[in-house]
PDB file of all heavy atoms in Angstrom:
ATOM      1  N   PRO A   1      -2.112 -18.148  -0.847  1.00  0.00           N
ATOM      2  CA  PRO A   1      -1.958 -17.811  -2.270  1.00  0.00           C
ATOM      3  C   PRO A   1      -3.315 -17.449  -2.873  1.00  0.00           C
ATOM      4  O   PRO A   1      -4.319 -18.112  -2.625  1.00  0.00           O
ATOM      5  CB  PRO A   1      -1.425 -19.124  -2.876  1.00  0.00           C
ATOM      6  CG  PRO A   1      -0.751 -19.812  -1.725  1.00  0.00           C
ATOM      7  CD  PRO A   1      -1.564 -19.471  -0.514  1.00  0.00           C
ATOM      8  N   GLY A   2      -3.339 -16.379  -3.629  1.00  0.00           N
ATOM      9  CA  GLY A   2      -4.590 -15.879  -4.176  1.00  0.00           C
ATOM     10  C   GLY A   2      -5.306 -14.933  -3.237  1.00  0.00           C
ATOM     11  O   GLY A   2      -6.344 -14.363  -3.592  1.00  0.00           O
ATOM     12  N   GLY A   3      -4.751 -14.761  -2.037  1.00  0.00           N
ATOM     13  CA  GLY A   3      -5.376 -13.880  -1.053  1.00  0.00           C
ATOM     14  C   GLY A   3      -5.160 -12.418  -1.368  1.00  0.00           C
ATOM     15  O   GLY A   3      -4.251 -12.037  -2.109  1.00  0.00           O
ATOM     16  N   ARG A   4      -6.033 -11.581  -0.801  1.00  0.00           N
ATOM     17  CA  ARG A   4      -5.985 -10.138  -1.048  1.00  0.00           C
ATOM     18  C   ARG A   4      -5.545  -9.409   0.229  1.00  0.00           C
ATOM     19  O   ARG A   4      -6.055  -9.699   1.318  1.00  0.00           O
ATOM     20  CB  ARG A   4      -7.368  -9.604  -1.454  1.00  0.00           C
ATOM     21  CG  ARG A   4      -7.862 -10.072  -2.808  1.00  0.00           C
ATOM     22  CD  ARG A   4      -8.461 -11.448  -2.774  1.00  0.00           C
ATOM     23  NE  ARG A   4      -9.671 -11.514  -1.949  1.00  0.00           N
ATOM     24  CZ  ARG A   4     -10.185 -12.655  -1.496  1.00  0.00           C
ATOM     25  NH1 ARG A   4      -9.600 -13.822  -1.750  1.00  0.00           N
ATOM     26  NH2 ARG A   4     -11.291 -12.643  -0.771  1.00  0.00           N
ATOM     27  N   LEU A   5      -4.622  -8.481   0.076  1.00  0.00           N
ATOM     28  CA  LEU A   5      -4.229  -7.601   1.178  1.00  0.00           C
ATOM     29  C   LEU A   5      -4.569  -6.175   0.785  1.00  0.00           C
ATOM     30  O   LEU A   5      -4.170  -5.705  -0.278  1.00  0.00           O
ATOM     31  CB  LEU A   5      -2.744  -7.735   1.490  1.00  0.00           C
ATOM     32  CG  LEU A   5      -2.241  -7.013   2.752  1.00  0.00           C
ATOM     33  CD1 LEU A   5      -1.040  -7.741   3.345  1.00  0.00           C
ATOM     34  CD2 LEU A   5      -1.867  -5.553   2.493  1.00  0.00           C
ATOM     35  N   VAL A   6      -5.340  -5.502   1.660  1.00  0.00           N
ATOM     36  CA  VAL A   6      -5.710  -4.106   1.433  1.00  0.00           C
ATOM     37  C   VAL A   6      -5.275  -3.319   2.663  1.00  0.00           C
ATOM     38  O   VAL A   6      -5.579  -3.707   3.802  1.00  0.00           O
ATOM     39  CB  VAL A   6      -7.232  -3.948   1.220  1.00  0.00           C
ATOM     40  CG1 VAL A   6      -7.594  -2.469   1.045  1.00  0.00           C
ATOM     41  CG2 VAL A   6      -7.689  -4.759   0.014  1.00  0.00           C
ATOM     42  N   ALA A   7      -4.557  -2.229   2.439  1.00  0.00           N
ATOM     43  CA  ALA A   7      -4.112  -1.375   3.542  1.00  0.00           C
ATOM     44  C   ALA A   7      -4.453   0.066   3.221  1.00  0.00           C
ATOM     45  O   ALA A   7      -4.234   0.533   2.099  1.00  0.00           O
ATOM     46  CB  ALA A   7      -2.611  -1.532   3.768  1.00  0.00           C
ATOM     47  N   ASN A   8      -4.995   0.774   4.217  1.00  0.00           N
ATOM     48  CA  ASN A   8      -5.360   2.184   4.059  1.00  0.00           C
ATOM     49  C   ASN A   8      -4.448   3.061   4.903  1.00  0.00           C
ATOM     50  O   ASN A   8      -4.093   2.688   6.036  1.00  0.00           O
ATOM     51  CB  ASN A   8      -6.817   2.421   4.476  1.00  0.00           C
ATOM     52  CG  ASN A   8      -7.805   1.822   3.500  1.00  0.00           C
ATOM     53  OD1 ASN A   8      -7.432   1.326   2.442  1.00  0.00           O
ATOM     54  ND2 ASN A   8      -9.080   1.864   3.849  1.00  0.00           N
ATOM     55  N   ALA A   9      -4.096   4.208   4.372  1.00  0.00           N
ATOM     56  CA  ALA A   9      -3.223   5.153   5.084  1.00  0.00           C
ATOM     57  C   ALA A   9      -3.808   6.552   5.004  1.00  0.00           C
ATOM     58  O   ALA A   9      -4.280   6.967   3.938  1.00  0.00           O
ATOM     59  CB  ALA A   9      -1.820   5.131   4.476  1.00  0.00           C
ATOM     60  N   VAL A  10      -3.770   7.274   6.132  1.00  0.00           N
ATOM     61  CA  VAL A  10      -4.248   8.663   6.144  1.00  0.00           C
ATOM     62  C   VAL A  10      -3.162   9.637   6.583  1.00  0.00           C
ATOM     63  O   VAL A  10      -3.335  10.849   6.447  1.00  0.00           O
ATOM     64  CB  VAL A  10      -5.482   8.810   7.066  1.00  0.00           C
ATOM     65  CG1 VAL A  10      -6.656   8.032   6.512  1.00  0.00           C
ATOM     66  CG2 VAL A  10      -5.175   8.381   8.489  1.00  0.00           C
ATOM     67  N   THR A  11      -2.033   9.129   7.091  1.00  0.00           N
ATOM     68  CA  THR A  11      -0.939  10.011   7.498  1.00  0.00           C
ATOM     69  C   THR A  11       0.204   9.911   6.492  1.00  0.00           C
ATOM     70  O   THR A  11       0.311   8.938   5.727  1.00  0.00           O
ATOM     71  CB  THR A  11      -0.418   9.640   8.901  1.00  0.00           C
ATOM     72  OG1 THR A  11       0.193   8.331   8.844  1.00  0.00           O
ATOM     73  CG2 THR A  11      -1.558   9.616   9.920  1.00  0.00           C
ATOM     74  N   ILE A  12       1.078  10.894   6.518  1.00  0.00           N
ATOM     75  CA  ILE A  12       2.233  10.889   5.615  1.00  0.00           C
ATOM     76  C   ILE A  12       3.122   9.691   5.919  1.00  0.00           C
ATOM     77  O   ILE A  12       3.633   9.025   5.014  1.00  0.00           O
ATOM     78  CB  ILE A  12       3.015  12.208   5.756  1.00  0.00           C
ATOM     79  CG1 ILE A  12       2.167  13.371   5.235  1.00  0.00           C
ATOM     80  CG2 ILE A  12       4.345  12.125   5.010  1.00  0.00           C
ATOM     81  CD1 ILE A  12       2.794  14.727   5.457  1.00  0.00           C
ATOM     82  N   GLU A  13       3.276   9.395   7.211  1.00  0.00           N
ATOM     83  CA  GLU A  13       4.150   8.288   7.604  1.00  0.00           C
ATOM     84  C   GLU A  13       3.603   6.944   7.112  1.00  0.00           C
ATOM     85  O   GLU A  13       4.345   6.114   6.572  1.00  0.00           O
ATOM     86  CB  GLU A  13       4.319   8.264   9.128  1.00  0.00           C
ATOM     87  CG  GLU A  13       5.115   9.425   9.695  1.00  0.00           C
ATOM     88  CD  GLU A  13       4.297  10.707   9.833  1.00  0.00           C
ATOM     89  OE1 GLU A  13       3.058  10.666   9.564  1.00  0.00           O
ATOM     90  OE2 GLU A  13       4.874  11.730  10.211  1.00  0.00           O
ATOM     91  N   SER A  14       2.301   6.725   7.301  1.00  0.00           N
ATOM     92  CA  SER A  14       1.724   5.447   6.867  1.00  0.00           C
ATOM     93  C   SER A  14       1.683   5.360   5.341  1.00  0.00           C
ATOM     94  O   SER A  14       1.862   4.284   4.758  1.00  0.00           O
ATOM     95  CB  SER A  14       0.322   5.255   7.463  1.00  0.00           C
ATOM     96  OG  SER A  14      -0.539   6.322   7.111  1.00  0.00           O
ATOM     97  N   GLU A  15       1.493   6.507   4.682  1.00  0.00           N
ATOM     98  CA  GLU A  15       1.512   6.525   3.215  1.00  0.00           C
ATOM     99  C   GLU A  15       2.895   6.143   2.687  1.00  0.00           C
ATOM    100  O   GLU A  15       3.020   5.414   1.694  1.00  0.00           O
ATOM    101  CB  GLU A  15       1.120   7.911   2.723  1.00  0.00           C
ATOM    102  CG  GLU A  15       0.886   8.002   1.238  1.00  0.00           C
ATOM    103  CD  GLU A  15       0.410   9.388   0.836  1.00  0.00           C
ATOM    104  OE1 GLU A  15       1.247  10.321   0.870  1.00  0.00           O
ATOM    105  OE2 GLU A  15      -0.786   9.539   0.508  1.00  0.00           O
ATOM    106  N   ALA A  16       3.931   6.596   3.383  1.00  0.00           N
ATOM    107  CA  ALA A  16       5.292   6.249   2.971  1.00  0.00           C
ATOM    108  C   ALA A  16       5.539   4.745   3.106  1.00  0.00           C
ATOM    109  O   ALA A  16       6.202   4.136   2.262  1.00  0.00           O
ATOM    110  CB  ALA A  16       6.303   7.027   3.822  1.00  0.00           C
ATOM    111  N   VAL A  17       4.993   4.143   4.166  1.00  0.00           N
ATOM    112  CA  VAL A  17       5.127   2.688   4.345  1.00  0.00           C
ATOM    113  C   VAL A  17       4.486   1.950   3.170  1.00  0.00           C
ATOM    114  O   VAL A  17       5.067   1.011   2.611  1.00  0.00           O
ATOM    115  CB  VAL A  17       4.487   2.251   5.676  1.00  0.00           C
ATOM    116  CG1 VAL A  17       4.436   0.721   5.760  1.00  0.00           C
ATOM    117  CG2 VAL A  17       5.266   2.817   6.856  1.00  0.00           C
ATOM    118  N   LEU A  18       3.292   2.374   2.782  1.00  0.00           N
ATOM    119  CA  LEU A  18       2.618   1.713   1.672  1.00  0.00           C
ATOM    120  C   LEU A  18       3.386   1.883   0.369  1.00  0.00           C
ATOM    121  O   LEU A  18       3.435   0.963  -0.459  1.00  0.00           O
ATOM    122  CB  LEU A  18       1.197   2.257   1.513  1.00  0.00           C
ATOM    123  CG  LEU A  18       0.232   2.029   2.679  1.00  0.00           C
ATOM    124  CD1 LEU A  18      -1.186   2.388   2.255  1.00  0.00           C
ATOM    125  CD2 LEU A  18       0.294   0.604   3.176  1.00  0.00           C
ATOM    126  N   GLY A  19       3.993   3.049   0.182  1.00  0.00           N
ATOM    127  CA  GLY A  19       4.777   3.281  -1.027  1.00  0.00           C
ATOM    128  C   GLY A  19       5.960   2.323  -1.115  1.00  0.00           C
ATOM    129  O   GLY A  19       6.248   1.787  -2.190  1.00  0.00           O
ATOM    130  N   ARG A  20       6.609   2.099   0.020  1.00  0.00           N
ATOM    131  CA  ARG A  20       7.756   1.186   0.020  1.00  0.00           C
ATOM    132  C   ARG A  20       7.310  -0.256  -0.281  1.00  0.00           C
ATOM    133  O   ARG A  20       7.962  -0.965  -1.051  1.00  0.00           O
ATOM    134  CB  ARG A  20       8.473   1.239   1.365  1.00  0.00           C
ATOM    135  CG  ARG A  20       9.213   2.548   1.625  1.00  0.00           C
ATOM    136  CD  ARG A  20      10.211   2.406   2.751  1.00  0.00           C
ATOM    137  NE  ARG A  20       9.578   2.048   4.019  1.00  0.00           N
ATOM    138  CZ  ARG A  20       9.100   2.916   4.900  1.00  0.00           C
ATOM    139  NH1 ARG A  20       9.164   4.221   4.637  1.00  0.00           N
ATOM    140  NH2 ARG A  20       8.565   2.503   6.031  1.00  0.00           N
ATOM    141  N   TRP A  21       6.203  -0.670   0.310  1.00  0.00           N
ATOM    142  CA  TRP A  21       5.738  -2.030   0.084  1.00  0.00           C
ATOM    143  C   TRP A  21       5.222  -2.233  -1.347  1.00  0.00           C
ATOM    144  O   TRP A  21       5.404  -3.288  -1.937  1.00  0.00           O
ATOM    145  CB  TRP A  21       4.642  -2.388   1.093  1.00  0.00           C
ATOM    146  CG  TRP A  21       5.211  -2.824   2.404  1.00  0.00           C
ATOM    147  CD1 TRP A  21       5.257  -2.128   3.570  1.00  0.00           C
ATOM    148  CD2 TRP A  21       5.866  -4.074   2.667  1.00  0.00           C
ATOM    149  NE1 TRP A  21       5.888  -2.851   4.554  1.00  0.00           N
ATOM    150  CE2 TRP A  21       6.270  -4.056   4.029  1.00  0.00           C
ATOM    151  CE3 TRP A  21       6.146  -5.193   1.911  1.00  0.00           C
ATOM    152  CZ2 TRP A  21       6.937  -5.127   4.621  1.00  0.00           C
ATOM    153  CZ3 TRP A  21       6.809  -6.264   2.496  1.00  0.00           C
ATOM    154  CH2 TRP A  21       7.196  -6.221   3.837  1.00  0.00           C
ATOM    155  N   GLN A  22       4.618  -1.208  -1.892  1.00  0.00           N
ATOM    156  CA  GLN A  22       4.153  -1.332  -3.278  1.00  0.00           C
ATOM    157  C   GLN A  22       5.343  -1.470  -4.223  1.00  0.00           C
ATOM    158  O   GLN A  22       5.290  -2.238  -5.196  1.00  0.00           O
ATOM    159  CB  GLN A  22       3.304  -0.108  -3.648  1.00  0.00           C
ATOM    160  CG  GLN A  22       2.518  -0.257  -4.943  1.00  0.00           C
ATOM    161  CD  GLN A  22       3.333   0.126  -6.177  1.00  0.00           C
ATOM    162  OE1 GLN A  22       4.335   0.853  -6.055  1.00  0.00           O
ATOM    163  NE2 GLN A  22       2.924  -0.360  -7.343  1.00  0.00           N
ATOM    164  N   ALA A  23       6.423  -0.779  -3.926  1.00  0.00           N
ATOM    165  CA  ALA A  23       7.622  -0.886  -4.759  1.00  0.00           C
ATOM    166  C   ALA A  23       8.216  -2.294  -4.678  1.00  0.00           C
ATOM    167  O   ALA A  23       8.781  -2.788  -5.656  1.00  0.00           O
ATOM    168  CB  ALA A  23       8.656   0.147  -4.312  1.00  0.00           C
ATOM    169  N   GLU A  24       8.058  -2.948  -3.529  1.00  0.00           N
ATOM    170  CA  GLU A  24       8.638  -4.281  -3.345  1.00  0.00           C
ATOM    171  C   GLU A  24       7.737  -5.402  -3.863  1.00  0.00           C
ATOM    172  O   GLU A  24       8.199  -6.343  -4.498  1.00  0.00           O
ATOM    173  CB  GLU A  24       8.945  -4.519  -1.869  1.00  0.00           C
ATOM    174  CG  GLU A  24       9.554  -5.885  -1.587  1.00  0.00           C
ATOM    175  CD  GLU A  24       9.980  -6.041  -0.135  1.00  0.00           C
ATOM    176  OE1 GLU A  24      10.157  -5.017   0.545  1.00  0.00           O
ATOM    177  OE2 GLU A  24      10.128  -7.202   0.315  1.00  0.00           O
ATOM    178  N   LEU A  25       6.422  -5.292  -3.580  1.00  0.00           N
ATOM    179  CA  LEU A  25       5.502  -6.396  -3.881  1.00  0.00           C
ATOM    180  C   LEU A  25       4.564  -6.126  -5.053  1.00  0.00           C
ATOM    181  O   LEU A  25       3.873  -7.032  -5.517  1.00  0.00           O
ATOM    182  CB  LEU A  25       4.659  -6.729  -2.635  1.00  0.00           C
ATOM    183  CG  LEU A  25       5.422  -7.232  -1.412  1.00  0.00           C
ATOM    184  CD1 LEU A  25       4.459  -7.433  -0.250  1.00  0.00           C
ATOM    185  CD2 LEU A  25       6.172  -8.521  -1.711  1.00  0.00           C
ATOM    186  N   GLY A  26       4.518  -4.886  -5.511  1.00  0.00           N
ATOM    187  CA  GLY A  26       3.592  -4.551  -6.581  1.00  0.00           C
ATOM    188  C   GLY A  26       2.207  -4.247  -6.048  1.00  0.00           C
ATOM    189  O   GLY A  26       2.026  -3.861  -4.897  1.00  0.00           O
ATOM    190  N   GLY A  27       1.215  -4.405  -6.886  1.00  0.00           N
ATOM    191  CA  GLY A  27      -0.146  -4.064  -6.494  1.00  0.00           C
ATOM    192  C   GLY A  27      -0.523  -2.662  -6.929  1.00  0.00           C
ATOM    193  O   GLY A  27       0.242  -1.954  -7.603  1.00  0.00           O
ATOM    194  N   ASP A  28      -1.717  -2.248  -6.544  1.00  0.00           N
ATOM    195  CA  ASP A  28      -2.252  -0.949  -6.951  1.00  0.00           C
ATOM    196  C   ASP A  28      -2.204   0.039  -5.801  1.00  0.00           C
ATOM    197  O   ASP A  28      -2.522  -0.300  -4.653  1.00  0.00           O
ATOM    198  CB  ASP A  28      -3.716  -1.087  -7.392  1.00  0.00           C
ATOM    199  CG  ASP A  28      -3.883  -2.043  -8.561  1.00  0.00           C
ATOM    200  OD1 ASP A  28      -2.946  -2.143  -9.372  1.00  0.00           O
ATOM    201  OD2 ASP A  28      -4.943  -2.684  -8.637  1.00  0.00           O
ATOM    202  N   LEU A  29      -1.855   1.262  -6.111  1.00  0.00           N
ATOM    203  CA  LEU A  29      -1.985   2.382  -5.176  1.00  0.00           C
ATOM    204  C   LEU A  29      -3.079   3.305  -5.695  1.00  0.00           C
ATOM    205  O   LEU A  29      -3.071   3.694  -6.861  1.00  0.00           O
ATOM    206  CB  LEU A  29      -0.675   3.157  -5.044  1.00  0.00           C
ATOM    207  CG  LEU A  29       0.389   2.570  -4.108  1.00  0.00           C
ATOM    208  CD1 LEU A  29       1.663   3.403  -4.181  1.00  0.00           C
ATOM    209  CD2 LEU A  29      -0.113   2.512  -2.662  1.00  0.00           C
ATOM    210  N   THR A  30      -4.022   3.630  -4.819  1.00  0.00           N
ATOM    211  CA  THR A  30      -5.132   4.502  -5.206  1.00  0.00           C
ATOM    212  C   THR A  30      -5.289   5.582  -4.148  1.00  0.00           C
ATOM    213  O   THR A  30      -5.195   5.311  -2.943  1.00  0.00           O
ATOM    214  CB  THR A  30      -6.455   3.705  -5.311  1.00  0.00           C
ATOM    215  OG1 THR A  30      -6.278   2.624  -6.219  1.00  0.00           O
ATOM    216  CG2 THR A  30      -7.593   4.596  -5.774  1.00  0.00           C
ATOM    217  N   ARG A  31      -5.537   6.789  -4.594  1.00  0.00           N
ATOM    218  CA  ARG A  31      -5.800   7.877  -3.647  1.00  0.00           C
ATOM    219  C   ARG A  31      -7.304   8.171  -3.688  1.00  0.00           C
ATOM    220  O   ARG A  31      -7.875   8.460  -4.747  1.00  0.00           O
ATOM    221  CB  ARG A  31      -5.016   9.131  -4.013  1.00  0.00           C
ATOM    222  CG  ARG A  31      -5.036  10.216  -2.939  1.00  0.00           C
ATOM    223  CD  ARG A  31      -3.979  11.258  -3.266  1.00  0.00           C
ATOM    224  NE  ARG A  31      -3.935  12.341  -2.307  1.00  0.00           N
ATOM    225  CZ  ARG A  31      -3.285  12.286  -1.128  1.00  0.00           C
ATOM    226  NH1 ARG A  31      -2.655  11.185  -0.794  1.00  0.00           N
ATOM    227  NH2 ARG A  31      -3.273  13.322  -0.320  1.00  0.00           N
ATOM    228  N   ILE A  32      -7.945   8.069  -2.540  1.00  0.00           N
ATOM    229  CA  ILE A  32      -9.389   8.240  -2.441  1.00  0.00           C
ATOM    230  C   ILE A  32      -9.676   9.574  -1.757  1.00  0.00           C
ATOM    231  O   ILE A  32      -9.256   9.801  -0.619  1.00  0.00           O
ATOM    232  CB  ILE A  32     -10.024   7.093  -1.623  1.00  0.00           C
ATOM    233  CG1 ILE A  32      -9.658   5.733  -2.245  1.00  0.00           C
ATOM    234  CG2 ILE A  32     -11.527   7.258  -1.540  1.00  0.00           C
ATOM    235  CD1 ILE A  32     -10.006   4.554  -1.356  1.00  0.00           C
TER     236      ILE A  32
END
């Protein structure tokens, strides 16, 4: 609890995974 999870994606497939998880758990999505 209180821990941070950071995940980076460079492919369309991995980006889609992050989008689904952000919809479920919240958090920030940033495009760098």
